């Protein structure tokens, strides 16, 4: 699933693929608003820690599978 995190006062965003479910990501974002920082892992095992005060938005993409073969 694709995740994009917009950072306040920055033109760039953090974008990565995650093996976490959309529900897990949503719960982590909501918990981050109280705890002070958001921690998420990507599909390659890297960990992203973002201060919650700097988060402008979090976009949680749908889980999409790759299509193999020809599309009719």
PDB file of N, CA and C in Angstrom:
ATOM      1  N   UNK A   1       0.836  -1.151   0.000  1.00  0.00           N
ATOM      2  CA  UNK A   1       0.000   0.000   0.000  1.00  0.00           C
ATOM      3  C   UNK A   1       0.897   1.236   0.000  1.00  0.00           C
ATOM      4  N   UNK A   2       0.474   2.247  -0.718  1.00  0.00           N
ATOM      5  CA  UNK A   2       1.218   3.501  -0.810  1.00  0.00           C
ATOM      6  C   UNK A   2       0.835   4.432   0.334  1.00  0.00           C
ATOM      7  N   UNK A   3       1.848   5.080   0.919  1.00  0.00           N
ATOM      8  CA  UNK A   3       1.631   6.060   1.972  1.00  0.00           C
ATOM      9  C   UNK A   3       2.374   7.324   1.584  1.00  0.00           C
ATOM     10  N   UNK A   4       1.711   8.456   1.725  1.00  0.00           N
ATOM     11  CA  UNK A   4       2.336   9.762   1.476  1.00  0.00           C
ATOM     12  C   UNK A   4       2.095  10.639   2.694  1.00  0.00           C
ATOM     13  N   UNK A   5       3.163  11.259   3.171  1.00  0.00           N
ATOM     14  CA  UNK A   5       3.083  12.133   4.337  1.00  0.00           C
ATOM     15  C   UNK A   5       3.548  13.508   3.908  1.00  0.00           C
ATOM     16  N   UNK A   6       2.660  14.485   4.008  1.00  0.00           N
ATOM     17  CA  UNK A   6       3.006  15.864   3.702  1.00  0.00           C
ATOM     18  C   UNK A   6       3.585  16.535   4.931  1.00  0.00           C
ATOM     19  N   UNK A   7       4.645  17.305   4.731  1.00  0.00           N
ATOM     20  CA  UNK A   7       5.328  17.981   5.820  1.00  0.00           C
ATOM     21  C   UNK A   7       5.048  19.481   5.727  1.00  0.00           C
ATOM     22  N   UNK A   8       4.695  20.088   6.859  1.00  0.00           N
ATOM     23  CA  UNK A   8       4.426  21.527   6.897  1.00  0.00           C
ATOM     24  C   UNK A   8       5.660  22.311   6.460  1.00  0.00           C
ATOM     25  N   UNK A   9       5.436  23.390   5.740  1.00  0.00           N
ATOM     26  CA  UNK A   9       6.494  24.293   5.287  1.00  0.00           C
ATOM     27  C   UNK A   9       7.553  23.596   4.433  1.00  0.00           C
ATOM     28  N   UNK A  10       7.146  22.546   3.715  1.00  0.00           N
ATOM     29  CA  UNK A  10       8.062  21.842   2.826  1.00  0.00           C
ATOM     30  C   UNK A  10       7.329  21.476   1.546  1.00  0.00           C
ATOM     31  N   UNK A  11       7.980  21.661   0.432  1.00  0.00           N
ATOM     32  CA  UNK A  11       7.359  21.340  -0.852  1.00  0.00           C
ATOM     33  C   UNK A  11       7.409  19.847  -1.141  1.00  0.00           C
ATOM     34  N   UNK A  12       8.250  19.123  -0.450  1.00  0.00           N
ATOM     35  CA  UNK A  12       8.398  17.681  -0.682  1.00  0.00           C
ATOM     36  C   UNK A  12       7.530  16.899   0.296  1.00  0.00           C
ATOM     37  N   UNK A  13       7.247  15.675  -0.075  1.00  0.00           N
ATOM     38  CA  UNK A  13       6.504  14.783   0.798  1.00  0.00           C
ATOM     39  C   UNK A  13       7.276  13.474   0.940  1.00  0.00           C
ATOM     40  N   UNK A  14       6.969  12.731   1.978  1.00  0.00           N
ATOM     41  CA  UNK A  14       7.572  11.417   2.176  1.00  0.00           C
ATOM     42  C   UNK A  14       6.623  10.410   1.553  1.00  0.00           C
ATOM     43  N   UNK A  15       7.104   9.594   0.631  1.00  0.00           N
ATOM     44  CA  UNK A  15       6.274   8.600  -0.050  1.00  0.00           C
ATOM     45  C   UNK A  15       6.987   7.257  -0.022  1.00  0.00           C
ATOM     46  N   UNK A  16       6.249   6.215   0.372  1.00  0.00           N
ATOM     47  CA  UNK A  16       6.826   4.879   0.422  1.00  0.00           C
ATOM     48  C   UNK A  16       5.726   3.832   0.408  1.00  0.00           C
ATOM     49  N   UNK A  17       6.118   2.587   0.143  1.00  0.00           N
ATOM     50  CA  UNK A  17       5.208   1.446   0.190  1.00  0.00           C
ATOM     51  C   UNK A  17       5.334   0.789   1.552  1.00  0.00           C
ATOM     52  N   UNK A  18       4.213   0.349   2.096  1.00  0.00           N
ATOM     53  CA  UNK A  18       4.214  -0.284   3.403  1.00  0.00           C
ATOM     54  C   UNK A  18       3.491  -1.619   3.346  1.00  0.00           C
ATOM     55  N   UNK A  19       3.945  -2.553   4.155  1.00  0.00           N
ATOM     56  CA  UNK A  19       3.278  -3.847   4.268  1.00  0.00           C
ATOM     57  C   UNK A  19       2.194  -3.814   5.337  1.00  0.00           C
ATOM     58  N   UNK A  20       2.096  -2.698   6.073  1.00  0.00           N
ATOM     59  CA  UNK A  20       1.076  -2.561   7.109  1.00  0.00           C
ATOM     60  C   UNK A  20      -0.292  -2.381   6.472  1.00  0.00           C
ATOM     61  N   UNK A  21      -1.319  -2.794   7.194  1.00  0.00           N
ATOM     62  CA  UNK A  21      -2.681  -2.645   6.683  1.00  0.00           C
ATOM     63  C   UNK A  21      -3.125  -1.188   6.832  1.00  0.00           C
ATOM     64  N   UNK A  22      -4.127  -0.762   6.043  1.00  0.00           N
ATOM     65  CA  UNK A  22      -4.629   0.614   6.178  1.00  0.00           C
ATOM     66  C   UNK A  22      -5.114   0.915   7.596  1.00  0.00           C
ATOM     67  N   UNK A  23      -5.715  -0.059   8.254  1.00  0.00           N
ATOM     68  CA  UNK A  23      -6.206   0.128   9.628  1.00  0.00           C
ATOM     69  C   UNK A  23      -5.047   0.377  10.583  1.00  0.00           C
ATOM     70  N   UNK A  24      -3.940  -0.366  10.434  1.00  0.00           N
ATOM     71  CA  UNK A  24      -2.769  -0.180  11.285  1.00  0.00           C
ATOM     72  C   UNK A  24      -2.151   1.201  11.089  1.00  0.00           C
ATOM     73  N   UNK A  25      -2.084   1.638   9.849  1.00  0.00           N
ATOM     74  CA  UNK A  25      -1.518   2.956   9.552  1.00  0.00           C
ATOM     75  C   UNK A  25      -2.401   4.049  10.134  1.00  0.00           C
ATOM     76  N   UNK A  26      -3.705   3.911   9.971  1.00  0.00           N
ATOM     77  CA  UNK A  26      -4.627   4.911  10.513  1.00  0.00           C
ATOM     78  C   UNK A  26      -4.511   4.990  12.034  1.00  0.00           C
ATOM     79  N   UNK A  27      -4.433   3.851  12.698  1.00  0.00           N
ATOM     80  CA  UNK A  27      -4.290   3.838  14.154  1.00  0.00           C
ATOM     81  C   UNK A  27      -2.981   4.482  14.589  1.00  0.00           C
ATOM     82  N   UNK A  28      -1.913   4.248  13.835  1.00  0.00           N
ATOM     83  CA  UNK A  28      -0.615   4.850  14.149  1.00  0.00           C
ATOM     84  C   UNK A  28      -0.659   6.363  13.993  1.00  0.00           C
ATOM     85  N   UNK A  29      -1.356   6.850  12.968  1.00  0.00           N
ATOM     86  CA  UNK A  29      -1.465   8.297  12.743  1.00  0.00           C
ATOM     87  C   UNK A  29      -2.266   8.947  13.863  1.00  0.00           C
ATOM     88  N   UNK A  30      -3.376   8.341  14.242  1.00  0.00           N
ATOM     89  CA  UNK A  30      -4.201   8.897  15.319  1.00  0.00           C
ATOM     90  C   UNK A  30      -3.425   8.902  16.641  1.00  0.00           C
ATOM     91  N   UNK A  31      -2.697   7.826  16.921  1.00  0.00           N
ATOM     92  CA  UNK A  31      -1.894   7.762  18.146  1.00  0.00           C
ATOM     93  C   UNK A  31      -0.765   8.793  18.119  1.00  0.00           C
ATOM     94  N   UNK A  32      -0.240   9.086  16.932  1.00  0.00           N
ATOM     95  CA  UNK A  32       0.855  10.049  16.805  1.00  0.00           C
ATOM     96  C   UNK A  32       0.420  11.457  17.162  1.00  0.00           C
ATOM     97  N   UNK A  33      -0.826  11.774  16.943  1.00  0.00           N
ATOM     98  CA  UNK A  33      -1.302  13.112  17.273  1.00  0.00           C
ATOM     99  C   UNK A  33      -1.235  13.365  18.777  1.00  0.00           C
ATOM    100  N   UNK A  34      -1.325  12.309  19.581  1.00  0.00           N
ATOM    101  CA  UNK A  34      -1.221  12.448  21.031  1.00  0.00           C
ATOM    102  C   UNK A  34       0.206  12.258  21.541  1.00  0.00           C
ATOM    103  N   UNK A  35       0.955  11.360  20.908  1.00  0.00           N
ATOM    104  CA  UNK A  35       2.277  11.005  21.430  1.00  0.00           C
ATOM    105  C   UNK A  35       3.388  11.968  21.020  1.00  0.00           C
ATOM    106  N   UNK A  36       3.220  12.648  19.890  1.00  0.00           N
ATOM    107  CA  UNK A  36       4.236  13.599  19.470  1.00  0.00           C
ATOM    108  C   UNK A  36       5.049  13.180  18.266  1.00  0.00           C
ATOM    109  N   UNK A  37       4.989  11.888  17.877  1.00  0.00           N
ATOM    110  CA  UNK A  37       5.727  11.463  16.691  1.00  0.00           C
ATOM    111  C   UNK A  37       5.043  10.262  16.042  1.00  0.00           C
ATOM    112  N   UNK A  38       5.166  10.195  14.721  1.00  0.00           N
ATOM    113  CA  UNK A  38       4.599   9.112  13.926  1.00  0.00           C
ATOM    114  C   UNK A  38       5.723   8.183  13.506  1.00  0.00           C
ATOM    115  N   UNK A  39       5.537   6.887  13.745  1.00  0.00           N
ATOM    116  CA  UNK A  39       6.526   5.888  13.363  1.00  0.00           C
ATOM    117  C   UNK A  39       5.871   4.865  12.458  1.00  0.00           C
ATOM    118  N   UNK A  40       6.403   4.725  11.233  1.00  0.00           N
ATOM    119  CA  UNK A  40       5.892   3.744  10.275  1.00  0.00           C
ATOM    120  C   UNK A  40       7.064   3.007   9.637  1.00  0.00           C
ATOM    121  N   UNK A  41       6.832   1.754   9.246  1.00  0.00           N
ATOM    122  CA  UNK A  41       7.844   0.944   8.570  1.00  0.00           C
ATOM    123  C   UNK A  41       7.438   0.746   7.118  1.00  0.00           C
ATOM    124  N   UNK A  42       8.432   0.743   6.224  1.00  0.00           N
ATOM    125  CA  UNK A  42       8.122   0.492   4.821  1.00  0.00           C
ATOM    126  C   UNK A  42       8.289  -0.982   4.498  1.00  0.00           C
ATOM    127  N   UNK A  43       8.008  -1.343   3.262  1.00  0.00           N
ATOM    128  CA  UNK A  43       8.043  -2.740   2.831  1.00  0.00           C
ATOM    129  C   UNK A  43       9.466  -3.295   2.802  1.00  0.00           C
ATOM    130  N   UNK A  44      10.478  -2.420   2.777  1.00  0.00           N
ATOM    131  CA  UNK A  44      11.873  -2.862   2.734  1.00  0.00           C
ATOM    132  C   UNK A  44      12.517  -2.916   4.121  1.00  0.00           C
ATOM    133  N   UNK A  45      11.740  -2.637   5.163  1.00  0.00           N
ATOM    134  CA  UNK A  45      12.259  -2.713   6.521  1.00  0.00           C
ATOM    135  C   UNK A  45      12.796  -1.415   7.082  1.00  0.00           C
ATOM    136  N   UNK A  46      12.694  -0.328   6.344  1.00  0.00           N
ATOM    137  CA  UNK A  46      13.151   0.966   6.849  1.00  0.00           C
ATOM    138  C   UNK A  46      12.070   1.570   7.748  1.00  0.00           C
ATOM    139  N   UNK A  47      12.482   2.353   8.715  1.00  0.00           N
ATOM    140  CA  UNK A  47      11.557   2.976   9.653  1.00  0.00           C
ATOM    141  C   UNK A  47      11.582   4.496   9.461  1.00  0.00           C
ATOM    142  N   UNK A  48      10.400   5.090   9.416  1.00  0.00           N
ATOM    143  CA  UNK A  48      10.251   6.538   9.272  1.00  0.00           C
ATOM    144  C   UNK A  48       9.658   7.084  10.563  1.00  0.00           C
ATOM    145  N   UNK A  49      10.323   8.094  11.132  1.00  0.00           N
ATOM    146  CA  UNK A  49       9.840   8.754  12.345  1.00  0.00           C
ATOM    147  C   UNK A  49       9.665  10.229  12.009  1.00  0.00           C
ATOM    148  N   UNK A  50       8.417  10.705  12.149  1.00  0.00           N
ATOM    149  CA  UNK A  50       8.088  12.083  11.780  1.00  0.00           C
ATOM    150  C   UNK A  50       7.461  12.774  12.989  1.00  0.00           C
ATOM    151  N   UNK A  51       7.945  13.951  13.379  1.00  0.00           N
ATOM    152  CA  UNK A  51       7.299  14.682  14.475  1.00  0.00           C
ATOM    153  C   UNK A  51       5.868  15.039  14.077  1.00  0.00           C
ATOM    154  N   UNK A  52       4.915  14.760  14.958  1.00  0.00           N
ATOM    155  CA  UNK A  52       3.512  14.981  14.600  1.00  0.00           C
ATOM    156  C   UNK A  52       3.200  16.469  14.414  1.00  0.00           C
ATOM    157  N   UNK A  53       3.984  17.350  15.022  1.00  0.00           N
ATOM    158  CA  UNK A  53       3.764  18.786  14.837  1.00  0.00           C
ATOM    159  C   UNK A  53       4.063  19.215  13.408  1.00  0.00           C
ATOM    160  N   UNK A  54       4.877  18.445  12.678  1.00  0.00           N
ATOM    161  CA  UNK A  54       5.240  18.793  11.321  1.00  0.00           C
ATOM    162  C   UNK A  54       4.385  18.144  10.251  1.00  0.00           C
ATOM    163  N   UNK A  55       3.430  17.309  10.648  1.00  0.00           N
ATOM    164  CA  UNK A  55       2.606  16.595   9.674  1.00  0.00           C
ATOM    165  C   UNK A  55       1.506  17.509   9.155  1.00  0.00           C
ATOM    166  N   UNK A  56       1.450  17.669   7.841  1.00  0.00           N
ATOM    167  CA  UNK A  56       0.381  18.445   7.208  1.00  0.00           C
ATOM    168  C   UNK A  56      -0.776  17.526   6.824  1.00  0.00           C
ATOM    169  N   UNK A  57      -0.448  16.343   6.278  1.00  0.00           N
ATOM    170  CA  UNK A  57      -1.469  15.363   5.903  1.00  0.00           C
ATOM    171  C   UNK A  57      -0.836  13.996   5.765  1.00  0.00           C
ATOM    172  N   UNK A  58      -1.662  12.966   5.842  1.00  0.00           N
ATOM    173  CA  UNK A  58      -1.227  11.590   5.593  1.00  0.00           C
ATOM    174  C   UNK A  58      -2.218  10.983   4.618  1.00  0.00           C
ATOM    175  N   UNK A  59      -1.713  10.539   3.476  1.00  0.00           N
ATOM    176  CA  UNK A  59      -2.549   9.908   2.456  1.00  0.00           C
ATOM    177  C   UNK A  59      -2.274   8.412   2.477  1.00  0.00           C
ATOM    178  N   UNK A  60      -3.325   7.643   2.739  1.00  0.00           N
ATOM    179  CA  UNK A  60      -3.206   6.192   2.795  1.00  0.00           C
ATOM    180  C   UNK A  60      -3.827   5.644   1.529  1.00  0.00           C
ATOM    181  N   UNK A  61      -3.001   5.055   0.659  1.00  0.00           N
ATOM    182  CA  UNK A  61      -3.481   4.512  -0.602  1.00  0.00           C
ATOM    183  C   UNK A  61      -4.116   3.155  -0.422  1.00  0.00           C
ATOM    184  N   UNK A  62      -4.785   2.711  -1.457  1.00  0.00           N
ATOM    185  CA  UNK A  62      -5.425   1.407  -1.395  1.00  0.00           C
ATOM    186  C   UNK A  62      -4.409   0.313  -1.673  1.00  0.00           C
ATOM    187  N   UNK A  63      -4.730  -0.865  -1.206  1.00  0.00           N
ATOM    188  CA  UNK A  63      -3.875  -2.003  -1.477  1.00  0.00           C
ATOM    189  C   UNK A  63      -4.181  -2.484  -2.884  1.00  0.00           C
ATOM    190  N   UNK A  64      -3.233  -2.333  -3.769  1.00  0.00           N
ATOM    191  CA  UNK A  64      -3.459  -2.747  -5.150  1.00  0.00           C
ATOM    192  C   UNK A  64      -2.458  -3.833  -5.516  1.00  0.00           C
ATOM    193  N   UNK A  65      -2.925  -4.797  -6.248  1.00  0.00           N
ATOM    194  CA  UNK A  65      -2.049  -5.857  -6.707  1.00  0.00           C
ATOM    195  C   UNK A  65      -1.659  -5.572  -8.144  1.00  0.00           C
ATOM    196  N   UNK A  66      -0.499  -6.025  -8.512  1.00  0.00           N
ATOM    197  CA  UNK A  66      -0.048  -5.831  -9.887  1.00  0.00           C
ATOM    198  C   UNK A  66      -0.778  -6.796 -10.786  1.00  0.00           C
ATOM    199  N   UNK A  67      -1.175  -6.307 -11.933  1.00  0.00           N
ATOM    200  CA  UNK A  67      -1.817  -7.143 -12.917  1.00  0.00           C
ATOM    201  C   UNK A  67      -0.752  -7.725 -13.845  1.00  0.00           C
ATOM    202  N   UNK A  68      -0.850  -8.981 -14.078  1.00  0.00           N
ATOM    203  CA  UNK A  68       0.105  -9.655 -14.944  1.00  0.00           C
ATOM    204  C   UNK A  68      -0.641 -10.148 -16.193  1.00  0.00           C
ATOM    205  N   UNK A  69      -0.073  -9.886 -17.338  1.00  0.00           N
ATOM    206  CA  UNK A  69      -0.699 -10.327 -18.566  1.00  0.00           C
ATOM    207  C   UNK A  69      -1.316  -9.184 -19.316  1.00  0.00           C
ATOM    208  N   UNK A  70      -2.207  -9.519 -20.220  1.00  0.00           N
ATOM    209  CA  UNK A  70      -2.848  -8.530 -21.063  1.00  0.00           C
ATOM    210  C   UNK A  70      -4.181  -8.098 -20.489  1.00  0.00           C
ATOM    211  N   UNK A  71      -4.494  -6.830 -20.687  1.00  0.00           N
ATOM    212  CA  UNK A  71      -5.765  -6.294 -20.230  1.00  0.00           C
ATOM    213  C   UNK A  71      -6.688  -6.232 -21.455  1.00  0.00           C
ATOM    214  N   UNK A  72      -7.860  -6.815 -21.326  1.00  0.00           N
ATOM    215  CA  UNK A  72      -8.795  -6.855 -22.456  1.00  0.00           C
ATOM    216  C   UNK A  72      -9.582  -5.579 -22.561  1.00  0.00           C
TER     217      UNK A  72
END
